[in-house]
Amino acid sequence: MKLKHQSADRISEEDIHRHLYTAHMPDPDLLIRTSGEMRISNYLLWQIAYTEIFVTERLWPDFRGIHLLEAIADFQRRERRYGGLGEASGDIEEDVERIKFAAG
């Protein structure tokens, strides 16, 4: 790595990004976490900063195409904020249909 002798205050975000093994790929929009685990286990920490996370109780061997479609449908209903507050900040409103869909 060419940056070995460079001081830490001169290393940029782009320098770090270029040296990741995923540098040639876009960051993921959606991360699906199976088995109900509410942690990311250090998986792609840099790359998932603005990724939406979908958690399902279903175990990976039982995860099928229909479950992927459920995750995508959930993702499509979300307001992507990329670290901002978004339009609905401060408003608390329950979506009964979404809760029913998530509960199965």
PDB file of N, CA and C in Angstrom:
ATOM      1  N   MET A   1       0.851  -1.181   0.000  1.00  0.00           N
ATOM      2  CA  MET A   1       0.000   0.000   0.000  1.00  0.00           C
ATOM      3  C   MET A   1       0.889   1.233   0.000  1.00  0.00           C
ATOM      4  N   LYS A   2       0.632   2.135  -0.883  1.00  0.00           N
ATOM      5  CA  LYS A   2       1.470   3.309  -1.063  1.00  0.00           C
ATOM      6  C   LYS A   2       1.391   4.286   0.112  1.00  0.00           C
ATOM      7  N   LEU A   3       0.346   4.248   0.887  1.00  0.00           N
ATOM      8  CA  LEU A   3       0.117   5.213   1.961  1.00  0.00           C
ATOM      9  C   LEU A   3       0.798   4.837   3.272  1.00  0.00           C
ATOM     10  N   LYS A   4       1.600   3.799   3.312  1.00  0.00           N
ATOM     11  CA  LYS A   4       2.212   3.346   4.566  1.00  0.00           C
ATOM     12  C   LYS A   4       3.016   4.435   5.260  1.00  0.00           C
ATOM     13  N   HIS A   5       3.662   5.265   4.523  1.00  0.00           N
ATOM     14  CA  HIS A   5       4.528   6.287   5.125  1.00  0.00           C
ATOM     15  C   HIS A   5       3.871   7.659   5.160  1.00  0.00           C
ATOM     16  N   GLN A   6       2.598   7.706   4.915  1.00  0.00           N
ATOM     17  CA  GLN A   6       1.863   8.961   4.950  1.00  0.00           C
ATOM     18  C   GLN A   6       1.268   9.150   6.340  1.00  0.00           C
ATOM     19  N   SER A   7       1.280  10.376   6.846  1.00  0.00           N
ATOM     20  CA  SER A   7       0.733  10.614   8.181  1.00  0.00           C
ATOM     21  C   SER A   7      -0.793  10.462   8.149  1.00  0.00           C
ATOM     22  N   ALA A   8      -1.359  10.055   9.269  1.00  0.00           N
ATOM     23  CA  ALA A   8      -2.787   9.753   9.361  1.00  0.00           C
ATOM     24  C   ALA A   8      -3.664  10.955   9.011  1.00  0.00           C
ATOM     25  N   ASP A   9      -3.232  12.156   9.327  1.00  0.00           N
ATOM     26  CA  ASP A   9      -4.050  13.340   9.049  1.00  0.00           C
ATOM     27  C   ASP A   9      -4.101  13.679   7.562  1.00  0.00           C
ATOM     28  N   ARG A  10      -3.317  13.011   6.746  1.00  0.00           N
ATOM     29  CA  ARG A  10      -3.319  13.253   5.298  1.00  0.00           C
ATOM     30  C   ARG A  10      -4.077  12.169   4.530  1.00  0.00           C
ATOM     31  N   ILE A  11      -4.621  11.177   5.220  1.00  0.00           N
ATOM     32  CA  ILE A  11      -5.374  10.107   4.566  1.00  0.00           C
ATOM     33  C   ILE A  11      -6.836  10.529   4.478  1.00  0.00           C
ATOM     34  N   SER A  12      -7.386  10.469   3.285  1.00  0.00           N
ATOM     35  CA  SER A  12      -8.771  10.904   3.064  1.00  0.00           C
ATOM     36  C   SER A  12      -9.721   9.707   3.008  1.00  0.00           C
ATOM     37  N   GLU A  13     -11.020  10.012   3.020  1.00  0.00           N
ATOM     38  CA  GLU A  13     -12.025   8.971   2.849  1.00  0.00           C
ATOM     39  C   GLU A  13     -11.824   8.246   1.522  1.00  0.00           C
ATOM     40  N   GLU A  14     -11.502   8.995   0.488  1.00  0.00           N
ATOM     41  CA  GLU A  14     -11.289   8.396  -0.835  1.00  0.00           C
ATOM     42  C   GLU A  14     -10.097   7.443  -0.820  1.00  0.00           C
ATOM     43  N   ASP A  15      -9.044   7.782  -0.076  1.00  0.00           N
ATOM     44  CA  ASP A  15      -7.883   6.881   0.044  1.00  0.00           C
ATOM     45  C   ASP A  15      -8.317   5.550   0.652  1.00  0.00           C
ATOM     46  N   ILE A  16      -9.114   5.619   1.689  1.00  0.00           N
ATOM     47  CA  ILE A  16      -9.590   4.395   2.340  1.00  0.00           C
ATOM     48  C   ILE A  16     -10.473   3.608   1.379  1.00  0.00           C
ATOM     49  N   HIS A  17     -11.412   4.284   0.745  1.00  0.00           N
ATOM     50  CA  HIS A  17     -12.335   3.619  -0.178  1.00  0.00           C
ATOM     51  C   HIS A  17     -11.582   2.900  -1.309  1.00  0.00           C
ATOM     52  N   ARG A  18     -10.589   3.533  -1.854  1.00  0.00           N
ATOM     53  CA  ARG A  18      -9.830   2.943  -2.961  1.00  0.00           C
ATOM     54  C   ARG A  18      -9.123   1.662  -2.570  1.00  0.00           C
ATOM     55  N   HIS A  19      -8.825   1.479  -1.296  1.00  0.00           N
ATOM     56  CA  HIS A  19      -8.083   0.303  -0.839  1.00  0.00           C
ATOM     57  C   HIS A  19      -8.971  -0.813  -0.285  1.00  0.00           C
ATOM     58  N   LEU A  20     -10.286  -0.630  -0.331  1.00  0.00           N
ATOM     59  CA  LEU A  20     -11.199  -1.691   0.085  1.00  0.00           C
ATOM     60  C   LEU A  20     -11.332  -2.705  -1.048  1.00  0.00           C
ATOM     61  N   TYR A  21     -11.576  -3.962  -0.717  1.00  0.00           N
ATOM     62  CA  TYR A  21     -11.732  -4.965  -1.765  1.00  0.00           C
ATOM     63  C   TYR A  21     -13.004  -4.767  -2.564  1.00  0.00           C
ATOM     64  N   THR A  22     -13.906  -3.907  -2.099  1.00  0.00           N
ATOM     65  CA  THR A  22     -15.150  -3.625  -2.819  1.00  0.00           C
ATOM     66  C   THR A  22     -15.093  -2.284  -3.556  1.00  0.00           C
ATOM     67  N   ALA A  23     -13.913  -1.717  -3.711  1.00  0.00           N
ATOM     68  CA  ALA A  23     -13.776  -0.383  -4.311  1.00  0.00           C
ATOM     69  C   ALA A  23     -14.396  -0.287  -5.703  1.00  0.00           C
ATOM     70  N   HIS A  24     -14.410  -1.368  -6.435  1.00  0.00           N
ATOM     71  CA  HIS A  24     -14.951  -1.361  -7.796  1.00  0.00           C
ATOM     72  C   HIS A  24     -16.464  -1.580  -7.831  1.00  0.00           C
ATOM     73  N   MET A  25     -17.098  -1.717  -6.676  1.00  0.00           N
ATOM     74  CA  MET A  25     -18.538  -1.973  -6.606  1.00  0.00           C
ATOM     75  C   MET A  25     -19.255  -0.792  -5.941  1.00  0.00           C
ATOM     76  N   PRO A  26     -20.531  -0.590  -6.288  1.00  0.00           N
ATOM     77  CA  PRO A  26     -21.297   0.436  -5.574  1.00  0.00           C
ATOM     78  C   PRO A  26     -21.637  -0.055  -4.162  1.00  0.00           C
ATOM     79  N   ASP A  27     -21.843   0.861  -3.247  1.00  0.00           N
ATOM     80  CA  ASP A  27     -22.266   0.484  -1.900  1.00  0.00           C
ATOM     81  C   ASP A  27     -23.668  -0.116  -1.971  1.00  0.00           C
ATOM     82  N   PRO A  28     -23.973  -1.095  -1.121  1.00  0.00           N
ATOM     83  CA  PRO A  28     -25.299  -1.725  -1.176  1.00  0.00           C
ATOM     84  C   PRO A  28     -26.395  -0.780  -0.693  1.00  0.00           C
ATOM     85  N   ASP A  29     -27.568  -0.898  -1.291  1.00  0.00           N
ATOM     86  CA  ASP A  29     -28.734  -0.133  -0.861  1.00  0.00           C
ATOM     87  C   ASP A  29     -29.496  -0.862   0.234  1.00  0.00           C
ATOM     88  N   LEU A  30     -29.441  -2.199   0.214  1.00  0.00           N
ATOM     89  CA  LEU A  30     -30.221  -3.008   1.145  1.00  0.00           C
ATOM     90  C   LEU A  30     -29.372  -4.158   1.660  1.00  0.00           C
ATOM     91  N   LEU A  31     -29.378  -4.347   2.977  1.00  0.00           N
ATOM     92  CA  LEU A  31     -28.717  -5.480   3.614  1.00  0.00           C
ATOM     93  C   LEU A  31     -29.808  -6.310   4.288  1.00  0.00           C
ATOM     94  N   ILE A  32     -29.878  -7.581   3.936  1.00  0.00           N
ATOM     95  CA  ILE A  32     -30.873  -8.470   4.528  1.00  0.00           C
ATOM     96  C   ILE A  32     -30.180  -9.307   5.587  1.00  0.00           C
ATOM     97  N   ARG A  33     -30.661  -9.201   6.816  1.00  0.00           N
ATOM     98  CA  ARG A  33     -30.075  -9.938   7.946  1.00  0.00           C
ATOM     99  C   ARG A  33     -31.043 -11.025   8.354  1.00  0.00           C
ATOM    100  N   THR A  34     -30.646 -12.273   8.163  1.00  0.00           N
ATOM    101  CA  THR A  34     -31.509 -13.401   8.495  1.00  0.00           C
ATOM    102  C   THR A  34     -31.317 -13.828   9.947  1.00  0.00           C
ATOM    103  N   SER A  35     -32.136 -14.714  10.401  1.00  0.00           N
ATOM    104  CA  SER A  35     -32.135 -15.338  11.735  1.00  0.00           C
ATOM    105  C   SER A  35     -32.451 -14.366  12.866  1.00  0.00           C
ATOM    106  N   GLY A  36     -33.005 -13.209  12.538  1.00  0.00           N
ATOM    107  CA  GLY A  36     -33.432 -12.271  13.564  1.00  0.00           C
ATOM    108  C   GLY A  36     -32.310 -11.552  14.283  1.00  0.00           C
ATOM    109  N   GLU A  37     -31.092 -11.734  13.839  1.00  0.00           N
ATOM    110  CA  GLU A  37     -29.954 -11.087  14.499  1.00  0.00           C
ATOM    111  C   GLU A  37     -30.009  -9.577  14.295  1.00  0.00           C
ATOM    112  N   MET A  38     -29.862  -8.846  15.378  1.00  0.00           N
ATOM    113  CA  MET A  38     -29.926  -7.392  15.332  1.00  0.00           C
ATOM    114  C   MET A  38     -28.529  -6.782  15.400  1.00  0.00           C
ATOM    115  N   ARG A  39     -27.592  -7.422  14.737  1.00  0.00           N
ATOM    116  CA  ARG A  39     -26.225  -6.902  14.671  1.00  0.00           C
ATOM    117  C   ARG A  39     -25.699  -7.144  13.271  1.00  0.00           C
ATOM    118  N   ILE A  40     -24.644  -6.432  12.908  1.00  0.00           N
ATOM    119  CA  ILE A  40     -24.094  -6.593  11.565  1.00  0.00           C
ATOM    120  C   ILE A  40     -22.758  -7.336  11.564  1.00  0.00           C
ATOM    121  N   SER A  41     -22.239  -7.658  12.712  1.00  0.00           N
ATOM    122  CA  SER A  41     -21.049  -8.505  12.840  1.00  0.00           C
ATOM    123  C   SER A  41     -19.863  -8.015  12.009  1.00  0.00           C
ATOM    124  N   ASN A  42     -19.643  -6.719  11.987  1.00  0.00           N
ATOM    125  CA  ASN A  42     -18.521  -6.114  11.257  1.00  0.00           C
ATOM    126  C   ASN A  42     -18.553  -6.352   9.761  1.00  0.00           C
ATOM    127  N   TYR A  43     -19.715  -6.663   9.212  1.00  0.00           N
ATOM    128  CA  TYR A  43     -19.847  -6.956   7.791  1.00  0.00           C
ATOM    129  C   TYR A  43     -19.940  -5.661   6.988  1.00  0.00           C
ATOM    130  N   LEU A  44     -18.974  -5.404   6.155  1.00  0.00           N
ATOM    131  CA  LEU A  44     -18.948  -4.240   5.266  1.00  0.00           C
ATOM    132  C   LEU A  44     -19.230  -2.923   6.008  1.00  0.00           C
ATOM    133  N   LEU A  45     -18.593  -2.712   7.123  1.00  0.00           N
ATOM    134  CA  LEU A  45     -18.892  -1.539   7.947  1.00  0.00           C
ATOM    135  C   LEU A  45     -18.779  -0.218   7.194  1.00  0.00           C
ATOM    136  N   TRP A  46     -17.740  -0.060   6.414  1.00  0.00           N
ATOM    137  CA  TRP A  46     -17.540   1.192   5.664  1.00  0.00           C
ATOM    138  C   TRP A  46     -18.620   1.341   4.590  1.00  0.00           C
ATOM    139  N   GLN A  47     -18.912   0.251   3.917  1.00  0.00           N
ATOM    140  CA  GLN A  47     -19.794   0.295   2.763  1.00  0.00           C
ATOM    141  C   GLN A  47     -21.278   0.432   3.119  1.00  0.00           C
ATOM    142  N   ILE A  48     -21.693   0.043   4.302  1.00  0.00           N
ATOM    143  CA  ILE A  48     -23.131   0.077   4.627  1.00  0.00           C
ATOM    144  C   ILE A  48     -23.544   1.287   5.470  1.00  0.00           C
ATOM    145  N   ALA A  49     -22.747   2.339   5.442  1.00  0.00           N
ATOM    146  CA  ALA A  49     -23.062   3.532   6.234  1.00  0.00           C
ATOM    147  C   ALA A  49     -24.472   4.058   5.951  1.00  0.00           C
ATOM    148  N   TYR A  50     -24.923   4.025   4.710  1.00  0.00           N
ATOM    149  CA  TYR A  50     -26.249   4.531   4.347  1.00  0.00           C
ATOM    150  C   TYR A  50     -27.153   3.429   3.803  1.00  0.00           C
ATOM    151  N   THR A  51     -26.829   2.199   4.088  1.00  0.00           N
ATOM    152  CA  THR A  51     -27.609   1.053   3.630  1.00  0.00           C
ATOM    153  C   THR A  51     -28.817   0.839   4.532  1.00  0.00           C
ATOM    154  N   GLU A  52     -29.941   0.507   3.942  1.00  0.00           N
ATOM    155  CA  GLU A  52     -31.130   0.136   4.704  1.00  0.00           C
ATOM    156  C   GLU A  52     -30.969  -1.318   5.131  1.00  0.00           C
ATOM    157  N   ILE A  53     -31.340  -1.625   6.363  1.00  0.00           N
ATOM    158  CA  ILE A  53     -31.189  -2.983   6.884  1.00  0.00           C
ATOM    159  C   ILE A  53     -32.565  -3.599   7.097  1.00  0.00           C
ATOM    160  N   PHE A  54     -32.748  -4.794   6.553  1.00  0.00           N
ATOM    161  CA  PHE A  54     -33.991  -5.550   6.713  1.00  0.00           C
ATOM    162  C   PHE A  54     -33.661  -6.785   7.533  1.00  0.00           C
ATOM    163  N   VAL A  55     -34.326  -6.942   8.674  1.00  0.00           N
ATOM    164  CA  VAL A  55     -34.086  -8.087   9.551  1.00  0.00           C
ATOM    165  C   VAL A  55     -35.282  -9.016   9.479  1.00  0.00           C
ATOM    166  N   THR A  56     -35.014 -10.303   9.261  1.00  0.00           N
ATOM    167  CA  THR A  56     -36.065 -11.309   9.220  1.00  0.00           C
ATOM    168  C   THR A  56     -35.711 -12.454  10.162  1.00  0.00           C
ATOM    169  N   GLU A  57     -36.711 -13.038  10.764  1.00  0.00           N
ATOM    170  CA  GLU A  57     -36.496 -14.186  11.654  1.00  0.00           C
ATOM    171  C   GLU A  57     -36.150 -15.449  10.874  1.00  0.00           C
ATOM    172  N   ARG A  58     -36.436 -15.451   9.591  1.00  0.00           N
ATOM    173  CA  ARG A  58     -36.202 -16.630   8.752  1.00  0.00           C
ATOM    174  C   ARG A  58     -34.715 -16.963   8.702  1.00  0.00           C
ATOM    175  N   LEU A  59     -34.398 -18.217   8.796  1.00  0.00           N
ATOM    176  CA  LEU A  59     -33.008 -18.667   8.714  1.00  0.00           C
ATOM    177  C   LEU A  59     -32.562 -18.690   7.252  1.00  0.00           C
ATOM    178  N   TRP A  60     -31.270 -18.492   7.011  1.00  0.00           N
ATOM    179  CA  TRP A  60     -30.751 -18.407   5.654  1.00  0.00           C
ATOM    180  C   TRP A  60     -31.105 -19.626   4.787  1.00  0.00           C
ATOM    181  N   PRO A  61     -30.985 -20.852   5.280  1.00  0.00           N
ATOM    182  CA  PRO A  61     -31.323 -21.995   4.408  1.00  0.00           C
ATOM    183  C   PRO A  61     -32.793 -22.008   3.959  1.00  0.00           C
ATOM    184  N   ASP A  62     -33.663 -21.330   4.713  1.00  0.00           N
ATOM    185  CA  ASP A  62     -35.087 -21.295   4.386  1.00  0.00           C
ATOM    186  C   ASP A  62     -35.484 -20.042   3.602  1.00  0.00           C
ATOM    187  N   PHE A  63     -34.545 -19.158   3.351  1.00  0.00           N
ATOM    188  CA  PHE A  63     -34.815 -17.889   2.663  1.00  0.00           C
ATOM    189  C   PHE A  63     -34.994 -18.154   1.171  1.00  0.00           C
ATOM    190  N   ARG A  64     -36.153 -17.775   0.635  1.00  0.00           N
ATOM    191  CA  ARG A  64     -36.490 -18.038  -0.761  1.00  0.00           C
ATOM    192  C   ARG A  64     -36.777 -16.733  -1.511  1.00  0.00           C
ATOM    193  N   GLY A  65     -37.084 -16.868  -2.780  1.00  0.00           N
ATOM    194  CA  GLY A  65     -37.376 -15.704  -3.618  1.00  0.00           C
ATOM    195  C   GLY A  65     -38.510 -14.848  -3.087  1.00  0.00           C
ATOM    196  N   ILE A  66     -39.547 -15.467  -2.552  1.00  0.00           N
ATOM    197  CA  ILE A  66     -40.683 -14.710  -2.012  1.00  0.00           C
ATOM    198  C   ILE A  66     -40.248 -13.840  -0.834  1.00  0.00           C
ATOM    199  N   HIS A  67     -39.297 -14.316  -0.064  1.00  0.00           N
ATOM    200  CA  HIS A  67     -38.801 -13.549   1.083  1.00  0.00           C
ATOM    201  C   HIS A  67     -37.949 -12.375   0.607  1.00  0.00           C
ATOM    202  N   LEU A  68     -37.218 -12.576  -0.483  1.00  0.00           N
ATOM    203  CA  LEU A  68     -36.476 -11.468  -1.086  1.00  0.00           C
ATOM    204  C   LEU A  68     -37.451 -10.397  -1.558  1.00  0.00           C
ATOM    205  N   LEU A  69     -38.541 -10.812  -2.172  1.00  0.00           N
ATOM    206  CA  LEU A  69     -39.551  -9.851  -2.628  1.00  0.00           C
ATOM    207  C   LEU A  69     -40.157  -9.093  -1.455  1.00  0.00           C
ATOM    208  N   GLU A  70     -40.366  -9.751  -0.316  1.00  0.00           N
ATOM    209  CA  GLU A  70     -40.868  -9.072   0.892  1.00  0.00           C
ATOM    210  C   GLU A  70     -39.871  -8.004   1.354  1.00  0.00           C
ATOM    211  N   ALA A  71     -38.592  -8.337   1.339  1.00  0.00           N
ATOM    212  CA  ALA A  71     -37.560  -7.383   1.752  1.00  0.00           C
ATOM    213  C   ALA A  71     -37.514  -6.196   0.799  1.00  0.00           C
ATOM    214  N   ILE A  72     -37.625  -6.461  -0.492  1.00  0.00           N
ATOM    215  CA  ILE A  72     -37.613  -5.379  -1.487  1.00  0.00           C
ATOM    216  C   ILE A  72     -38.849  -4.496  -1.326  1.00  0.00           C
ATOM    217  N   ALA A  73     -40.007  -5.099  -1.085  1.00  0.00           N
ATOM    218  CA  ALA A  73     -41.237  -4.318  -0.878  1.00  0.00           C
ATOM    219  C   ALA A  73     -41.093  -3.409   0.346  1.00  0.00           C
ATOM    220  N   ASP A  74     -40.514  -3.932   1.419  1.00  0.00           N
ATOM    221  CA  ASP A  74     -40.270  -3.133   2.619  1.00  0.00           C
ATOM    222  C   ASP A  74     -39.310  -1.978   2.305  1.00  0.00           C
ATOM    223  N   PHE A  75     -38.270  -2.277   1.570  1.00  0.00           N
ATOM    224  CA  PHE A  75     -37.277  -1.271   1.177  1.00  0.00           C
ATOM    225  C   PHE A  75     -37.928  -0.158   0.348  1.00  0.00           C
ATOM    226  N   GLN A  76     -38.807  -0.528  -0.561  1.00  0.00           N
ATOM    227  CA  GLN A  76     -39.444   0.462  -1.424  1.00  0.00           C
ATOM    228  C   GLN A  76     -40.367   1.409  -0.661  1.00  0.00           C
ATOM    229  N   ARG A  77     -40.867   0.984   0.494  1.00  0.00           N
ATOM    230  CA  ARG A  77     -41.737   1.841   1.301  1.00  0.00           C
ATOM    231  C   ARG A  77     -40.952   2.813   2.180  1.00  0.00           C
ATOM    232  N   ARG A  78     -39.666   2.641   2.264  1.00  0.00           N
ATOM    233  CA  ARG A  78     -38.860   3.475   3.155  1.00  0.00           C
ATOM    234  C   ARG A  78     -38.509   4.816   2.527  1.00  0.00           C
ATOM    235  N   GLU A  79     -38.310   5.799   3.392  1.00  0.00           N
ATOM    236  CA  GLU A  79     -37.827   7.107   2.968  1.00  0.00           C
ATOM    237  C   GLU A  79     -36.315   7.113   3.147  1.00  0.00           C
ATOM    238  N   ARG A  80     -35.579   7.121   2.054  1.00  0.00           N
ATOM    239  CA  ARG A  80     -34.115   7.130   2.130  1.00  0.00           C
ATOM    240  C   ARG A  80     -33.665   8.531   2.517  1.00  0.00           C
ATOM    241  N   ARG A  81     -32.897   8.635   3.606  1.00  0.00           N
ATOM    242  CA  ARG A  81     -32.470   9.939   4.106  1.00  0.00           C
ATOM    243  C   ARG A  81     -30.971  10.168   3.986  1.00  0.00           C
ATOM    244  N   TYR A  82     -30.189   9.133   3.820  1.00  0.00           N
ATOM    245  CA  TYR A  82     -28.733   9.247   3.665  1.00  0.00           C
ATOM    246  C   TYR A  82     -28.112  10.119   4.755  1.00  0.00           C
ATOM    247  N   GLY A  83     -28.560   9.925   5.983  1.00  0.00           N
ATOM    248  CA  GLY A  83     -27.998  10.654   7.111  1.00  0.00           C
ATOM    249  C   GLY A  83     -28.747  11.922   7.470  1.00  0.00           C
ATOM    250  N   GLY A  84     -29.667  12.373   6.624  1.00  0.00           N
ATOM    251  CA  GLY A  84     -30.444  13.578   6.899  1.00  0.00           C
ATOM    252  C   GLY A  84     -31.671  13.254   7.732  1.00  0.00           C
ATOM    253  N   LEU A  85     -32.449  14.272   8.035  1.00  0.00           N
ATOM    254  CA  LEU A  85     -33.641  14.079   8.847  1.00  0.00           C
ATOM    255  C   LEU A  85     -34.850  13.674   8.032  1.00  0.00           C
ATOM    256  N   GLY A  86     -34.920  14.066   6.777  1.00  0.00           N
ATOM    257  CA  GLY A  86     -36.038  13.683   5.930  1.00  0.00           C
ATOM    258  C   GLY A  86     -37.247  14.566   6.129  1.00  0.00           C
ATOM    259  N   GLU A  87     -38.245  14.335   5.308  1.00  0.00           N
ATOM    260  CA  GLU A  87     -39.454  15.158   5.326  1.00  0.00           C
ATOM    261  C   GLU A  87     -40.340  14.887   6.524  1.00  0.00           C
ATOM    262  N   ALA A  88     -40.384  13.640   6.982  1.00  0.00           N
ATOM    263  CA  ALA A  88     -41.328  13.254   8.033  1.00  0.00           C
ATOM    264  C   ALA A  88     -40.727  13.318   9.433  1.00  0.00           C
ATOM    265  N   SER A  89     -39.602  13.977   9.595  1.00  0.00           N
ATOM    266  CA  SER A  89     -38.979  14.003  10.925  1.00  0.00           C
ATOM    267  C   SER A  89     -39.888  14.700  11.924  1.00  0.00           C
ATOM    268  N   GLY A  90     -40.017  14.109  13.082  1.00  0.00           N
ATOM    269  CA  GLY A  90     -40.868  14.647  14.120  1.00  0.00           C
ATOM    270  C   GLY A  90     -42.272  14.081  14.100  1.00  0.00           C
ATOM    271  N   ASP A  91     -42.711  13.588  12.952  1.00  0.00           N
ATOM    272  CA  ASP A  91     -44.039  12.994  12.851  1.00  0.00           C
ATOM    273  C   ASP A  91     -43.960  11.523  13.220  1.00  0.00           C
ATOM    274  N   ILE A  92     -44.810  11.109  14.156  1.00  0.00           N
ATOM    275  CA  ILE A  92     -44.882   9.706  14.528  1.00  0.00           C
ATOM    276  C   ILE A  92     -46.240   9.196  14.082  1.00  0.00           C
ATOM    277  N   GLU A  93     -46.208   8.248  13.161  1.00  0.00           N
ATOM    278  CA  GLU A  93     -47.437   7.719  12.609  1.00  0.00           C
ATOM    279  C   GLU A  93     -47.244   6.224  12.368  1.00  0.00           C
ATOM    280  N   GLU A  94     -48.169   5.426  12.854  1.00  0.00           N
ATOM    281  CA  GLU A  94     -48.061   3.984  12.657  1.00  0.00           C
ATOM    282  C   GLU A  94     -48.773   3.585  11.383  1.00  0.00           C
ATOM    283  N   ASP A  95     -48.138   2.760  10.597  1.00  0.00           N
ATOM    284  CA  ASP A  95     -48.710   2.226   9.373  1.00  0.00           C
ATOM    285  C   ASP A  95     -49.214   0.822   9.680  1.00  0.00           C
ATOM    286  N   VAL A  96     -50.518   0.706   9.938  1.00  0.00           N
ATOM    287  CA  VAL A  96     -51.111  -0.548  10.376  1.00  0.00           C
ATOM    288  C   VAL A  96     -50.902  -1.643   9.338  1.00  0.00           C
ATOM    289  N   GLU A  97     -51.061  -1.343   8.065  1.00  0.00           N
ATOM    290  CA  GLU A  97     -50.875  -2.353   7.018  1.00  0.00           C
ATOM    291  C   GLU A  97     -49.441  -2.863   6.990  1.00  0.00           C
ATOM    292  N   ARG A  98     -48.491  -1.988   7.180  1.00  0.00           N
ATOM    293  CA  ARG A  98     -47.081  -2.392   7.188  1.00  0.00           C
ATOM    294  C   ARG A  98     -46.797  -3.307   8.373  1.00  0.00           C
ATOM    295  N   ILE A  99     -47.378  -2.994   9.514  1.00  0.00           N
ATOM    296  CA  ILE A  99     -47.177  -3.815  10.703  1.00  0.00           C
ATOM    297  C   ILE A  99     -47.777  -5.195  10.481  1.00  0.00           C
ATOM    298  N   LYS A 100     -48.954  -5.272   9.874  1.00  0.00           N
ATOM    299  CA  LYS A 100     -49.585  -6.553   9.586  1.00  0.00           C
ATOM    300  C   LYS A 100     -48.729  -7.360   8.628  1.00  0.00           C
ATOM    301  N   PHE A 101     -48.192  -6.689   7.580  1.00  0.00           N
ATOM    302  CA  PHE A 101     -47.362  -7.367   6.577  1.00  0.00           C
ATOM    303  C   PHE A 101     -46.089  -7.917   7.217  1.00  0.00           C
ATOM    304  N   ALA A 102     -45.467  -7.126   8.080  1.00  0.00           N
ATOM    305  CA  ALA A 102     -44.229  -7.544   8.733  1.00  0.00           C
ATOM    306  C   ALA A 102     -44.473  -8.692   9.708  1.00  0.00           C
ATOM    307  N   ALA A 103     -45.630  -8.700  10.341  1.00  0.00           N
ATOM    308  CA  ALA A 103     -45.934  -9.736  11.312  1.00  0.00           C
ATOM    309  C   ALA A 103     -46.282 -11.066  10.635  1.00  0.00           C
ATOM    310  N   GLY A 104     -46.609 -11.007   9.362  1.00  0.00           N
ATOM    311  CA  GLY A 104     -46.893 -12.226   8.594  1.00  0.00           C
ATOM    312  C   GLY A 104     -48.301 -12.622   8.742  1.00  0.00           C
TER     313      GLY A 104
END
